[in-house]
Amino acid sequence: MDYLPLLLMFIFFILMPFALMLLVMPKSIRAMKAHGFVGRDMYKPDRPKVAINGGLILLLIAIFSMSIISLFYSKHIPPENHAMIMVIVLFALFGLVDDMIDIGRSAKLILLYYCSYPLIPFVPVIPLQIPFIGPLDLNILYLQLLIPTFVPVVANLVNMHSGFNGLAPGLSLLVLTTLLVKTWFFGDIYKVLFIICLTGALAAYFLFEKYPAQIFWGNVGALSVGAAIGATCVIQGFIVSGFVMLIPHTVNFLMWIYWKLNMKRVPFEKFGKIREDGTLEVPNRFTLKWVLPSYIRLTERQSALAMFGLTGIFCVVGFFIPG
């Protein structure tokens, strides 16, 4: 098989949204600031105003790129891509509403459960082999419980593991890139062509949210990209390896649960503070990104880099874990 035309096609899927994002984002940032769509950067001494809802631009660029590319490669785009677009857009709309009225974490998990249903017809199911018994068909449990639960859980894990400039987009970029490389070797890359577009756009977007951030992606970005990660895992059958890649996100969630249970002893504080030397002063150790700064003096940028390194390790491990 000649892989060169195939590789060039996938490079096109990455470079087009990447270039469009670089072109569109500066003007979008100025427009959002002009119309008052801003939030405070809490880890800067003067707490400057930064544009928000960059995740909406990210998703629009990915969808636009996919629509243009489909004019040339329509025969290579299987229906799984359209199902993933539908799911990711539903999560994005939910995130947009959440940015406006703060729906709450419990409601997110319940309502987002049904946003994953379009994926069910495309999920590969293999009977579980039980020693001395034989194959056990768990299709209904797998499709009706695990799949619709896995995607919103991943989306919320991505949403929660954030707070520093570029942290959530950077971690998501690491996980998505690893999943795509794993798909190239062990899965069907054509099923995730839209995810390639989204990853290309995300790579360019990260340049605008990394330290010092010019824009924040908001819940609309975190939930949509988190849904993309979850959808890729279930479509390709990478549930176990995807879980391994997200172990730092899971640990962060478990730390948050412990914090909630001890709220009377350790009051809730969403943000830390900045010392005069630019290092972080964190209120506790019950969030993963605050663990290292609670022991050694680190800046916001250094703390984010440490989180990138940690997730990078689990991404490498997850790449070599089958399924």
Protein backbone atom coordinates (compact mmCIF):
# COMPACT_ATOMS: atom_id res chain seq x y z
CA MET A 1 0.00 0.00 0.00
CA ASP A 2 1.29 3.47 -0.92
CA TYR A 3 1.10 5.51 2.29
CA LEU A 4 2.38 8.81 0.82
CA PRO A 5 -0.97 10.02 -0.65
CA LEU A 6 -2.70 8.94 2.58
CA LEU A 7 -0.18 10.82 4.71
CA LEU A 8 -0.47 13.94 2.55
CA MET A 9 -4.25 13.83 2.92
CA PHE A 10 -4.01 13.72 6.70
CA ILE A 11 -1.45 16.53 6.72
CA PHE A 12 -3.98 18.59 4.75
CA PHE A 13 -6.63 17.76 7.40
CA ILE A 14 -4.29 19.17 10.07
CA LEU A 15 -2.74 22.15 8.29
CA MET A 16 -5.93 23.72 6.95
CA PRO A 17 -7.63 24.25 10.35
CA PHE A 18 -4.26 25.16 11.88
CA ALA A 19 -3.73 27.94 9.31
CA LEU A 20 -7.34 29.15 9.55
CA MET A 21 -7.09 29.39 13.33
CA LEU A 22 -3.91 31.47 13.11
CA LEU A 23 -5.67 33.74 10.63
CA VAL A 24 -9.00 34.13 12.41
CA MET A 25 -8.12 34.13 16.11
CA PRO A 26 -6.41 37.56 16.43
CA LYS A 27 -9.42 39.33 14.95
CA SER A 28 -11.79 37.19 17.04
CA ILE A 29 -9.95 38.14 20.24
CA ARG A 30 -10.26 41.84 19.43
CA ALA A 31 -13.95 41.45 18.58
CA MET A 32 -14.73 39.59 21.81
CA LYS A 33 -12.98 42.22 23.90
CA ALA A 34 -14.80 45.01 22.05
CA HIS A 35 -18.17 43.39 22.80
CA GLY A 36 -17.37 42.74 26.46
CA PHE A 37 -16.84 38.99 26.31
CA VAL A 38 -13.97 39.00 28.80
CA GLY A 39 -12.89 37.38 32.05
CA ARG A 40 -10.20 38.09 34.61
CA ASP A 41 -6.84 36.28 34.52
CA MET A 42 -6.63 35.51 38.22
CA TYR A 43 -2.97 34.45 38.24
CA LYS A 44 -1.55 37.77 37.13
CA PRO A 45 -0.71 40.64 39.55
CA ASP A 46 -3.02 43.14 37.82
CA ARG A 47 -5.68 40.53 36.89
CA PRO A 48 -6.04 41.69 33.28
CA LYS A 49 -9.18 41.18 31.22
CA VAL A 50 -8.87 38.31 28.72
CA ALA A 51 -11.24 37.33 25.92
CA ILE A 52 -13.41 34.28 26.65
CA ASN A 53 -15.34 31.53 24.82
CA GLY A 54 -12.45 30.77 22.48
CA GLY A 55 -13.72 27.18 22.36
CA LEU A 56 -16.57 28.36 20.16
CA ILE A 57 -14.13 29.70 17.55
CA LEU A 58 -12.11 26.50 17.84
CA LEU A 59 -15.11 24.31 17.07
CA LEU A 60 -16.36 26.51 14.23
CA ILE A 61 -12.94 26.44 12.54
CA ALA A 62 -12.80 22.63 12.84
CA ILE A 63 -16.29 22.19 11.37
CA PHE A 64 -15.66 24.71 8.59
CA SER A 65 -12.38 22.98 7.67
CA MET A 66 -14.10 19.60 7.62
CA SER A 67 -16.83 20.92 5.32
CA ILE A 68 -14.30 22.37 2.87
CA ILE A 69 -12.12 19.25 2.90
CA SER A 70 -15.15 17.03 2.35
CA LEU A 71 -15.56 18.62 -1.09
CA PHE A 72 -12.34 16.84 -2.13
CA TYR A 73 -12.40 13.72 0.05
CA SER A 74 -16.11 12.97 0.49
CA LYS A 75 -15.71 9.27 -0.41
CA HIS A 76 -13.15 8.86 2.40
CA ILE A 77 -15.41 10.23 5.17
CA PRO A 78 -17.42 7.47 6.91
CA PRO A 79 -20.58 8.30 8.93
CA GLU A 80 -18.75 7.99 12.28
CA ASN A 81 -17.38 11.48 11.64
CA HIS A 82 -20.85 12.98 11.35
CA ALA A 83 -21.97 11.25 14.54
CA MET A 84 -18.96 12.66 16.40
CA ILE A 85 -19.63 16.15 15.05
CA MET A 86 -23.20 15.91 16.33
CA VAL A 87 -22.08 14.77 19.79
CA ILE A 88 -19.32 17.37 20.07
CA VAL A 89 -21.66 20.19 18.99
CA LEU A 90 -24.23 19.08 21.59
CA PHE A 91 -21.57 19.22 24.28
CA ALA A 92 -20.43 22.62 23.03
CA LEU A 93 -23.98 24.02 23.18
CA PHE A 94 -24.33 22.63 26.68
CA GLY A 95 -21.05 24.30 27.63
CA LEU A 96 -22.22 27.61 26.17
CA VAL A 97 -25.36 27.48 28.31
CA ASP A 98 -23.29 26.47 31.34
CA ASP A 99 -21.04 29.50 30.82
CA MET A 100 -24.13 31.71 31.00
CA ILE A 101 -26.10 30.19 33.91
CA ASP A 102 -23.73 27.66 35.63
CA ILE A 103 -25.77 24.45 35.42
CA GLY A 104 -23.66 22.61 38.01
CA ARG A 105 -21.54 19.45 37.92
CA SER A 106 -24.29 16.99 38.92
CA ALA A 107 -26.66 18.25 36.24
CA LYS A 108 -23.86 18.09 33.67
CA LEU A 109 -23.29 14.38 34.26
CA ILE A 110 -27.01 13.58 34.06
CA LEU A 111 -27.96 15.72 31.06
CA LEU A 112 -24.80 15.07 29.04
CA TYR A 113 -25.45 11.32 29.31
CA TYR A 114 -27.99 11.60 26.50
CA CYS A 115 -25.77 13.77 24.30
CA SER A 116 -23.57 10.75 23.57
CA TYR A 117 -26.31 8.56 22.08
CA PRO A 118 -25.50 9.30 18.39
CA LEU A 119 -22.26 7.30 18.86
CA ILE A 120 -23.96 4.05 19.87
CA PRO A 121 -24.59 2.64 16.34
CA PHE A 122 -20.89 2.98 15.50
CA VAL A 123 -19.30 1.50 18.62
CA PRO A 124 -17.55 -1.85 18.08
CA VAL A 125 -18.73 -4.51 20.52
CA ILE A 126 -16.91 -7.78 21.16
CA PRO A 127 -18.45 -10.50 23.39
CA LEU A 128 -16.63 -10.98 26.70
CA GLN A 129 -14.85 -14.33 26.83
CA ILE A 130 -15.45 -16.04 30.20
CA PRO A 131 -13.14 -19.00 31.02
CA PHE A 132 -15.01 -22.36 31.14
CA ILE A 133 -18.26 -20.59 30.21
CA GLY A 134 -17.68 -19.06 26.80
CA PRO A 135 -18.64 -15.76 25.23
CA LEU A 136 -20.93 -13.44 27.20
CA ASP A 137 -22.81 -10.82 25.21
CA LEU A 138 -22.92 -7.58 27.18
CA ASN A 139 -24.01 -5.41 24.27
CA ILE A 140 -26.90 -3.73 26.07
CA LEU A 141 -24.91 -2.92 29.20
CA TYR A 142 -21.92 -1.73 27.20
CA LEU A 143 -23.86 0.41 24.75
CA GLN A 144 -26.51 1.80 27.10
CA LEU A 145 -24.42 2.33 30.23
CA LEU A 146 -20.70 2.50 29.55
CA ILE A 147 -20.63 4.48 26.29
CA PRO A 148 -23.09 7.27 27.18
CA THR A 149 -21.38 7.55 30.57
CA PHE A 150 -17.77 7.46 29.41
CA VAL A 151 -17.98 10.46 27.07
CA PRO A 152 -19.54 12.96 29.52
CA VAL A 153 -17.25 11.76 32.31
CA VAL A 154 -14.21 12.44 30.13
CA ALA A 155 -15.62 15.83 29.13
CA ASN A 156 -16.08 16.81 32.77
CA LEU A 157 -12.61 15.53 33.71
CA VAL A 158 -11.13 17.81 31.04
CA ASN A 159 -13.27 20.71 32.25
CA MET A 160 -12.17 20.28 35.87
CA HIS A 161 -8.42 19.90 35.25
CA SER A 162 -7.85 23.53 34.31
CA GLY A 163 -7.14 26.92 35.84
CA PHE A 164 -3.71 27.90 34.51
CA ASN A 165 -3.00 29.57 31.18
CA GLY A 166 -3.11 26.90 28.48
CA LEU A 167 -3.39 24.00 30.94
CA ALA A 168 -6.60 22.34 29.75
CA PRO A 169 -6.02 22.92 26.00
CA GLY A 170 -2.41 21.75 26.29
CA LEU A 171 -3.33 18.56 28.15
CA SER A 172 -6.13 17.87 25.67
CA LEU A 173 -3.75 18.40 22.76
CA LEU A 174 -1.38 15.80 24.24
CA VAL A 175 -4.16 13.24 24.71
CA LEU A 176 -5.79 13.80 21.30
CA THR A 177 -2.45 13.63 19.49
CA THR A 178 -1.60 10.36 21.25
CA LEU A 179 -5.01 8.91 20.38
CA LEU A 180 -4.59 9.86 16.72
CA VAL A 181 -1.12 8.33 16.51
CA LYS A 182 -2.44 5.19 18.19
CA THR A 183 -5.34 5.14 15.71
CA TRP A 184 -2.89 5.40 12.80
CA PHE A 185 -1.16 2.20 13.95
CA PHE A 186 -3.98 0.20 15.56
CA GLY A 187 -7.34 1.65 14.46
CA ASP A 188 -9.27 3.04 11.52
CA ILE A 189 -8.02 6.58 10.93
CA TYR A 190 -10.85 7.39 8.51
CA LYS A 191 -13.38 7.18 11.37
CA VAL A 192 -11.76 10.15 13.12
CA LEU A 193 -11.05 12.55 10.27
CA PHE A 194 -13.00 15.28 12.05
CA ILE A 195 -10.89 14.73 15.17
CA ILE A 196 -7.80 15.35 13.01
CA CYS A 197 -9.32 18.70 11.96
CA LEU A 198 -10.15 19.52 15.57
CA THR A 199 -6.64 18.63 16.70
CA GLY A 200 -5.09 20.83 14.01
CA ALA A 201 -7.27 23.74 15.11
CA LEU A 202 -6.48 23.02 18.77
CA ALA A 203 -2.72 23.08 18.10
CA ALA A 204 -3.05 26.62 16.73
CA TYR A 205 -5.51 27.67 19.42
CA PHE A 206 -3.08 26.58 22.14
CA LEU A 207 -0.64 29.25 20.94
CA PHE A 208 -3.19 31.90 21.98
CA GLU A 209 -4.12 30.45 25.38
CA LYS A 210 -0.67 29.39 26.52
CA TYR A 211 1.09 31.67 28.99
CA PRO A 212 0.42 34.60 28.85
CA ALA A 213 -3.11 33.84 27.68
CA GLN A 214 -4.84 36.08 25.18
CA ILE A 215 -8.10 34.11 25.38
CA PHE A 216 -9.79 31.41 27.48
CA TRP A 217 -11.77 28.63 25.87
CA GLY A 218 -14.48 28.40 28.57
CA ASN A 219 -16.81 25.50 29.25
CA VAL A 220 -17.77 25.39 25.58
CA GLY A 221 -14.18 24.50 24.69
CA ALA A 222 -13.51 22.13 27.57
CA LEU A 223 -16.72 20.14 27.14
CA SER A 224 -16.53 19.91 23.35
CA VAL A 225 -12.86 18.88 23.23
CA GLY A 226 -13.41 16.54 26.20
CA ALA A 227 -16.28 14.97 24.26
CA ALA A 228 -13.95 14.60 21.26
CA ILE A 229 -11.46 12.69 23.41
CA GLY A 230 -14.20 10.43 24.80
CA ALA A 231 -15.77 9.87 21.37
CA THR A 232 -12.42 8.91 19.86
CA CYS A 233 -11.85 6.38 22.63
CA VAL A 234 -15.22 4.67 22.19
CA ILE A 235 -15.23 4.71 18.37
CA GLN A 236 -11.75 3.16 18.21
CA GLY A 237 -12.25 0.86 21.20
CA PHE A 238 -9.54 2.59 23.23
CA ILE A 239 -11.50 2.67 26.49
CA VAL A 240 -8.75 1.17 28.65
CA SER A 241 -5.81 2.97 27.06
CA GLY A 242 -7.79 6.22 27.00
CA PHE A 243 -8.49 5.84 30.71
CA VAL A 244 -4.76 5.39 31.35
CA MET A 245 -3.97 8.60 29.45
CA LEU A 246 -6.50 10.41 31.62
CA ILE A 247 -5.28 9.10 34.97
CA PRO A 248 -3.98 12.55 36.05
CA HIS A 249 -7.41 14.01 35.22
CA THR A 250 -9.05 11.23 37.26
CA VAL A 251 -6.74 11.82 40.20
CA ASN A 252 -7.60 15.49 40.06
CA PHE A 253 -11.30 14.59 40.22
CA LEU A 254 -10.80 12.24 43.19
CA MET A 255 -8.88 14.98 45.01
CA TRP A 256 -11.81 17.32 44.37
CA ILE A 257 -14.22 14.74 45.83
CA TYR A 258 -12.04 14.48 48.96
CA TRP A 259 -12.02 18.27 49.18
CA LYS A 260 -15.82 18.39 48.95
CA LEU A 261 -16.14 15.84 51.76
CA ASN A 262 -13.84 17.95 53.95
CA MET A 263 -15.30 21.32 53.02
CA LYS A 264 -15.97 22.26 56.66
CA ARG A 265 -12.31 21.80 57.52
CA VAL A 266 -10.90 23.19 54.25
CA PRO A 267 -13.16 25.95 52.83
CA PHE A 268 -13.57 26.12 49.06
CA GLU A 269 -11.28 28.52 47.22
CA LYS A 270 -11.26 28.47 43.44
CA PHE A 271 -8.05 30.43 42.86
CA GLY A 272 -4.66 30.84 44.46
CA LYS A 273 -2.65 34.03 44.73
CA ILE A 274 0.55 35.47 43.27
CA ARG A 275 3.54 36.36 45.43
CA GLU A 276 5.74 39.37 44.70
CA ASP A 277 8.33 37.14 43.02
CA GLY A 278 5.67 35.80 40.61
CA THR A 279 5.34 32.35 42.22
CA LEU A 280 2.04 30.79 43.19
CA GLU A 281 0.59 30.85 46.68
CA VAL A 282 -1.98 28.03 46.67
CA PRO A 283 -4.66 27.60 49.35
CA ASN A 284 -4.36 23.81 49.71
CA ARG A 285 -3.19 20.57 48.05
CA PHE A 286 -6.59 19.23 47.02
CA THR A 287 -6.22 20.08 43.33
CA LEU A 288 -3.57 18.32 41.26
CA LYS A 289 -2.18 21.53 39.77
CA TRP A 290 -1.66 22.91 43.31
CA VAL A 291 0.31 19.96 44.69
CA LEU A 292 3.78 20.95 43.46
CA PRO A 293 3.38 24.71 44.17
CA SER A 294 2.43 23.81 47.74
CA TYR A 295 5.86 22.24 48.28
CA ILE A 296 8.19 24.33 46.10
CA ARG A 297 7.96 27.82 44.66
CA LEU A 298 6.73 27.60 41.08
CA THR A 299 5.28 30.11 38.67
CA GLU A 300 2.02 29.51 36.85
CA ARG A 301 3.92 28.61 33.69
CA GLN A 302 6.20 26.15 35.49
CA SER A 303 3.24 24.48 37.20
CA ALA A 304 1.46 24.04 33.86
CA LEU A 305 4.61 22.55 32.31
CA ALA A 306 4.81 20.06 35.19
CA MET A 307 1.22 18.97 34.47
CA PHE A 308 2.09 18.58 30.77
CA GLY A 309 5.02 16.36 31.68
CA LEU A 310 2.89 14.20 33.98
CA THR A 311 0.14 13.67 31.42
CA GLY A 312 2.76 13.08 28.73
CA ILE A 313 4.09 10.12 30.72
CA PHE A 314 0.64 8.55 30.97
CA CYS A 315 0.01 9.19 27.29
CA VAL A 316 3.12 7.19 26.40
CA VAL A 317 2.02 4.36 28.70
CA GLY A 318 -1.51 4.44 27.32
CA PHE A 319 -0.23 4.27 23.75
CA PHE A 320 1.30 0.84 24.40
CA ILE A 321 -1.68 -0.55 26.29
CA PRO A 322 -4.04 -2.47 24.00
CA GLY A 323 -7.72 -1.57 24.06
